[in-house]
Amino acid sequence: MGVPKRKQSKQRLRTRKAANAWHASELGKCGQCGSRIPSHVACPSCGYYKGRQVLTVAGA
């Protein structure tokens, strides 16, 4: 079994762990009404997805 020859530094360990840090998801903009929505989701305010209406929204 392979064994490390030298101890890895704290900086190397922390650099590796930094890649797993939490970050907020990016929100896209609805092409129809301009509200901020997650990707690949029909807009809850206007009901459009990829340029066509897929939901009927009351009050819009």
C-alpha atoms as a PDB file:
ATOM      1  CA  MET A   1       0.000   0.000   0.000  1.00  0.00           C
ATOM      2  CA  GLY A   2       1.288   3.456  -0.869  1.00  0.00           C
ATOM      3  CA  VAL A   3       2.307   5.637   2.056  1.00  0.00           C
ATOM      4  CA  PRO A   4       3.013   9.390   1.833  1.00  0.00           C
ATOM      5  CA  LYS A   5       6.708  10.200   2.058  1.00  0.00           C
ATOM      6  CA  ARG A   6       6.147  13.661   3.560  1.00  0.00           C
ATOM      7  CA  LYS A   7       3.397  15.359   5.551  1.00  0.00           C
ATOM      8  CA  GLN A   8       1.195  17.631   3.452  1.00  0.00           C
ATOM      9  CA  SER A   9       1.114  21.254   4.568  1.00  0.00           C
ATOM     10  CA  LYS A  10      -1.928  22.944   6.110  1.00  0.00           C
ATOM     11  CA  GLN A  11      -2.166  25.278   3.138  1.00  0.00           C
ATOM     12  CA  ARG A  12      -2.423  22.360   0.711  1.00  0.00           C
ATOM     13  CA  LEU A  13      -5.145  20.748   2.818  1.00  0.00           C
ATOM     14  CA  ARG A  14      -7.110  23.989   3.168  1.00  0.00           C
ATOM     15  CA  THR A  15      -6.812  24.734  -0.543  1.00  0.00           C
ATOM     16  CA  ARG A  16      -8.329  21.350  -1.315  1.00  0.00           C
ATOM     17  CA  LYS A  17     -11.148  21.820   1.183  1.00  0.00           C
ATOM     18  CA  ALA A  18     -11.903  25.343  -0.104  1.00  0.00           C
ATOM     19  CA  ALA A  19     -13.250  23.861  -3.350  1.00  0.00           C
ATOM     20  CA  ASN A  20     -16.141  22.340  -1.364  1.00  0.00           C
ATOM     21  CA  ALA A  21     -17.229  25.632   0.194  1.00  0.00           C
ATOM     22  CA  TRP A  22     -20.930  26.477   0.001  1.00  0.00           C
ATOM     23  CA  HIS A  23     -22.029  29.208  -2.383  1.00  0.00           C
ATOM     24  CA  ALA A  24     -25.455  30.537  -3.247  1.00  0.00           C
ATOM     25  CA  SER A  25     -26.934  29.362  -6.528  1.00  0.00           C
ATOM     26  CA  GLU A  26     -27.019  31.773  -9.455  1.00  0.00           C
ATOM     27  CA  LEU A  27     -30.419  33.105 -10.458  1.00  0.00           C
ATOM     28  CA  GLY A  28     -31.273  33.740 -14.072  1.00  0.00           C
ATOM     29  CA  LYS A  29     -33.580  36.402 -15.441  1.00  0.00           C
ATOM     30  CA  CYS A  30     -36.974  35.592 -16.943  1.00  0.00           C
ATOM     31  CA  GLY A  31     -37.016  36.602 -20.604  1.00  0.00           C
ATOM     32  CA  GLN A  32     -40.681  37.566 -20.446  1.00  0.00           C
ATOM     33  CA  CYS A  33     -41.109  39.591 -17.241  1.00  0.00           C
ATOM     34  CA  GLY A  34     -37.516  40.046 -16.036  1.00  0.00           C
ATOM     35  CA  SER A  35     -37.934  38.566 -12.558  1.00  0.00           C
ATOM     36  CA  ARG A  36     -35.098  36.517 -11.004  1.00  0.00           C
ATOM     37  CA  ILE A  37     -35.692  32.742 -11.151  1.00  0.00           C
ATOM     38  CA  PRO A  38     -33.566  29.565 -10.885  1.00  0.00           C
ATOM     39  CA  SER A  39     -32.458  27.890 -14.111  1.00  0.00           C
ATOM     40  CA  HIS A  40     -34.660  25.264 -15.795  1.00  0.00           C
ATOM     41  CA  VAL A  41     -37.780  26.361 -13.884  1.00  0.00           C
ATOM     42  CA  ALA A  42     -40.978  27.945 -15.176  1.00  0.00           C
ATOM     43  CA  CYS A  43     -41.349  31.528 -13.983  1.00  0.00           C
ATOM     44  CA  PRO A  44     -43.795  31.627 -11.058  1.00  0.00           C
ATOM     45  CA  SER A  45     -44.810  35.239 -11.722  1.00  0.00           C
ATOM     46  CA  CYS A  46     -45.706  35.013 -15.434  1.00  0.00           C
ATOM     47  CA  GLY A  47     -45.771  31.251 -16.169  1.00  0.00           C
ATOM     48  CA  TYR A  48     -43.339  31.298 -19.110  1.00  0.00           C
ATOM     49  CA  TYR A  49     -40.554  28.780 -19.771  1.00  0.00           C
ATOM     50  CA  LYS A  50     -38.204  28.947 -22.782  1.00  0.00           C
ATOM     51  CA  GLY A  51     -40.286  31.643 -24.462  1.00  0.00           C
ATOM     52  CA  ARG A  52     -43.694  29.983 -24.260  1.00  0.00           C
ATOM     53  CA  GLN A  53     -46.418  29.911 -21.635  1.00  0.00           C
ATOM     54  CA  VAL A  54     -46.571  26.627 -19.707  1.00  0.00           C
ATOM     55  CA  LEU A  55     -48.470  27.745 -16.581  1.00  0.00           C
ATOM     56  CA  THR A  56     -51.567  29.832 -16.131  1.00  0.00           C
ATOM     57  CA  VAL A  57     -50.934  32.306 -13.336  1.00  0.00           C
ATOM     58  CA  ALA A  58     -53.827  33.968 -11.552  1.00  0.00           C
ATOM     59  CA  GLY A  59     -53.545  37.762 -11.387  1.00  0.00           C
ATOM     60  CA  ALA A  60     -51.078  38.114 -14.264  1.00  0.00           C
END
